[in-house]
Amino acid sequence: MTTEWEKCLNGDLYDAHDATFKTHKAQTYTFLNAYNQTAYDSGQLATNY
């Protein structure tokens, strides 16, 4: 059986509310929040995500 993630990658119809996508969205939000709070000239990578 094909997962919703595999369906998405194949270009097939998929359930965008699947737990996989919710997890990816939460991880992305956390990373981008840390990234956006990092000063441009700080010289450090955002590692608190």
N, C-alpha and C. Protein backbone atom coordinates (compact mmCIF):
# COMPACT_ATOMS: atom_id res chain seq x y z
N MET A 1 0.84 -1.18 0.00
CA MET A 1 0.00 0.00 0.00
C MET A 1 0.89 1.25 0.00
N THR A 2 0.50 2.24 -0.74
CA THR A 2 1.26 3.47 -0.87
C THR A 2 0.90 4.44 0.24
N THR A 3 1.92 5.08 0.82
CA THR A 3 1.67 6.07 1.87
C THR A 3 1.22 7.38 1.23
N GLU A 4 0.67 8.24 2.05
CA GLU A 4 0.23 9.55 1.55
C GLU A 4 1.43 10.36 1.05
N TRP A 5 2.57 10.20 1.71
CA TRP A 5 3.79 10.90 1.30
C TRP A 5 4.23 10.43 -0.09
N GLU A 6 4.19 9.13 -0.32
CA GLU A 6 4.56 8.57 -1.63
C GLU A 6 3.59 9.04 -2.71
N LYS A 7 2.30 9.08 -2.37
CA LYS A 7 1.31 9.58 -3.33
C LYS A 7 1.62 11.01 -3.71
N CYS A 8 1.98 11.83 -2.72
CA CYS A 8 2.31 13.24 -2.95
C CYS A 8 3.50 13.35 -3.89
N LEU A 9 4.55 12.59 -3.61
CA LEU A 9 5.75 12.63 -4.44
C LEU A 9 5.51 12.13 -5.86
N ASN A 10 4.55 11.22 -6.01
CA ASN A 10 4.22 10.67 -7.33
C ASN A 10 3.27 11.56 -8.13
N GLY A 11 2.74 12.59 -7.48
CA GLY A 11 1.80 13.47 -8.16
C GLY A 11 0.37 12.95 -8.15
N ASP A 12 0.12 11.96 -7.31
CA ASP A 12 -1.23 11.40 -7.20
C ASP A 12 -2.03 12.19 -6.16
N LEU A 13 -3.33 11.93 -6.12
CA LEU A 13 -4.16 12.54 -5.09
C LEU A 13 -3.78 11.96 -3.72
N TYR A 14 -3.73 12.82 -2.72
CA TYR A 14 -3.34 12.39 -1.38
C TYR A 14 -4.08 13.21 -0.34
N ASP A 15 -4.09 12.71 0.88
CA ASP A 15 -4.73 13.40 2.00
C ASP A 15 -3.71 14.33 2.65
N ALA A 16 -3.85 15.62 2.44
CA ALA A 16 -2.90 16.61 2.96
C ALA A 16 -3.00 16.76 4.48
N HIS A 17 -4.00 16.17 5.09
CA HIS A 17 -4.17 16.26 6.54
C HIS A 17 -3.64 15.02 7.25
N ASP A 18 -2.88 14.22 6.53
CA ASP A 18 -2.27 13.03 7.11
C ASP A 18 -1.25 13.45 8.17
N ALA A 19 -1.04 12.60 9.16
CA ALA A 19 -0.12 12.91 10.27
C ALA A 19 1.30 13.20 9.78
N THR A 20 1.72 12.57 8.69
CA THR A 20 3.06 12.81 8.13
C THR A 20 3.24 14.27 7.78
N PHE A 21 2.26 14.85 7.13
CA PHE A 21 2.36 16.24 6.70
C PHE A 21 2.28 17.19 7.89
N LYS A 22 1.48 16.84 8.88
CA LYS A 22 1.40 17.66 10.08
C LYS A 22 2.74 17.68 10.81
N THR A 23 3.41 16.53 10.86
CA THR A 23 4.73 16.45 11.48
C THR A 23 5.74 17.28 10.73
N HIS A 24 5.76 17.17 9.41
CA HIS A 24 6.69 17.95 8.58
C HIS A 24 6.43 19.45 8.75
N LYS A 25 5.17 19.82 8.82
CA LYS A 25 4.82 21.23 8.97
C LYS A 25 5.31 21.76 10.32
N ALA A 26 5.15 20.98 11.37
CA ALA A 26 5.60 21.41 12.70
C ALA A 26 7.11 21.54 12.75
N GLN A 27 7.83 20.60 12.16
CA GLN A 27 9.29 20.66 12.12
C GLN A 27 9.76 21.87 11.31
N THR A 28 9.11 22.13 10.21
CA THR A 28 9.47 23.26 9.37
C THR A 28 9.21 24.57 10.10
N TYR A 29 8.09 24.67 10.78
CA TYR A 29 7.76 25.88 11.54
C TYR A 29 8.82 26.15 12.60
N THR A 30 9.21 25.11 13.33
CA THR A 30 10.21 25.26 14.39
C THR A 30 11.54 25.71 13.82
N PHE A 31 11.97 25.09 12.72
CA PHE A 31 13.24 25.46 12.10
C PHE A 31 13.21 26.89 11.58
N LEU A 32 12.16 27.25 10.86
CA LEU A 32 12.08 28.59 10.29
C LEU A 32 11.97 29.67 11.36
N ASN A 33 11.30 29.36 12.46
CA ASN A 33 11.21 30.31 13.56
C ASN A 33 12.60 30.59 14.12
N ALA A 34 13.41 29.55 14.34
CA ALA A 34 14.78 29.72 14.83
C ALA A 34 15.63 30.45 13.80
N TYR A 35 15.49 30.09 12.55
CA TYR A 35 16.27 30.72 11.46
C TYR A 35 15.96 32.21 11.36
N ASN A 36 14.70 32.56 11.43
CA ASN A 36 14.31 33.96 11.28
C ASN A 36 14.72 34.82 12.47
N GLN A 37 15.01 34.21 13.60
CA GLN A 37 15.44 34.96 14.77
C GLN A 37 16.96 35.09 14.85
N THR A 38 17.67 34.49 13.90
CA THR A 38 19.13 34.57 13.86
C THR A 38 19.53 35.83 13.12
N ALA A 39 20.36 36.65 13.77
CA ALA A 39 20.83 37.89 13.13
C ALA A 39 21.71 37.55 11.94
N TYR A 40 21.63 38.38 10.91
CA TYR A 40 22.38 38.15 9.68
C TYR A 40 23.88 38.11 9.94
N ASP A 41 24.36 39.00 10.77
CA ASP A 41 25.79 39.11 10.99
C ASP A 41 26.27 38.40 12.26
N SER A 42 25.46 37.52 12.80
CA SER A 42 25.82 36.84 14.05
C SER A 42 26.93 35.82 13.82
N GLY A 43 27.03 35.28 12.63
CA GLY A 43 28.05 34.28 12.33
C GLY A 43 27.78 32.93 12.93
N GLN A 44 26.59 32.74 13.50
CA GLN A 44 26.25 31.47 14.09
C GLN A 44 25.06 30.85 13.39
N LEU A 45 25.05 29.54 13.38
CA LEU A 45 23.92 28.83 12.81
C LEU A 45 22.81 28.72 13.84
N ALA A 46 21.60 28.73 13.38
CA ALA A 46 20.45 28.54 14.28
C ALA A 46 20.39 27.05 14.63
N THR A 47 20.66 26.73 15.88
CA THR A 47 20.69 25.32 16.28
C THR A 47 19.65 25.01 17.35
N ASN A 48 18.83 25.97 17.72
CA ASN A 48 17.85 25.71 18.77
C ASN A 48 16.50 25.32 18.20
N TYR A 49 16.48 24.42 17.27
CA TYR A 49 15.22 23.94 16.70
C TYR A 49 15.00 22.51 16.96
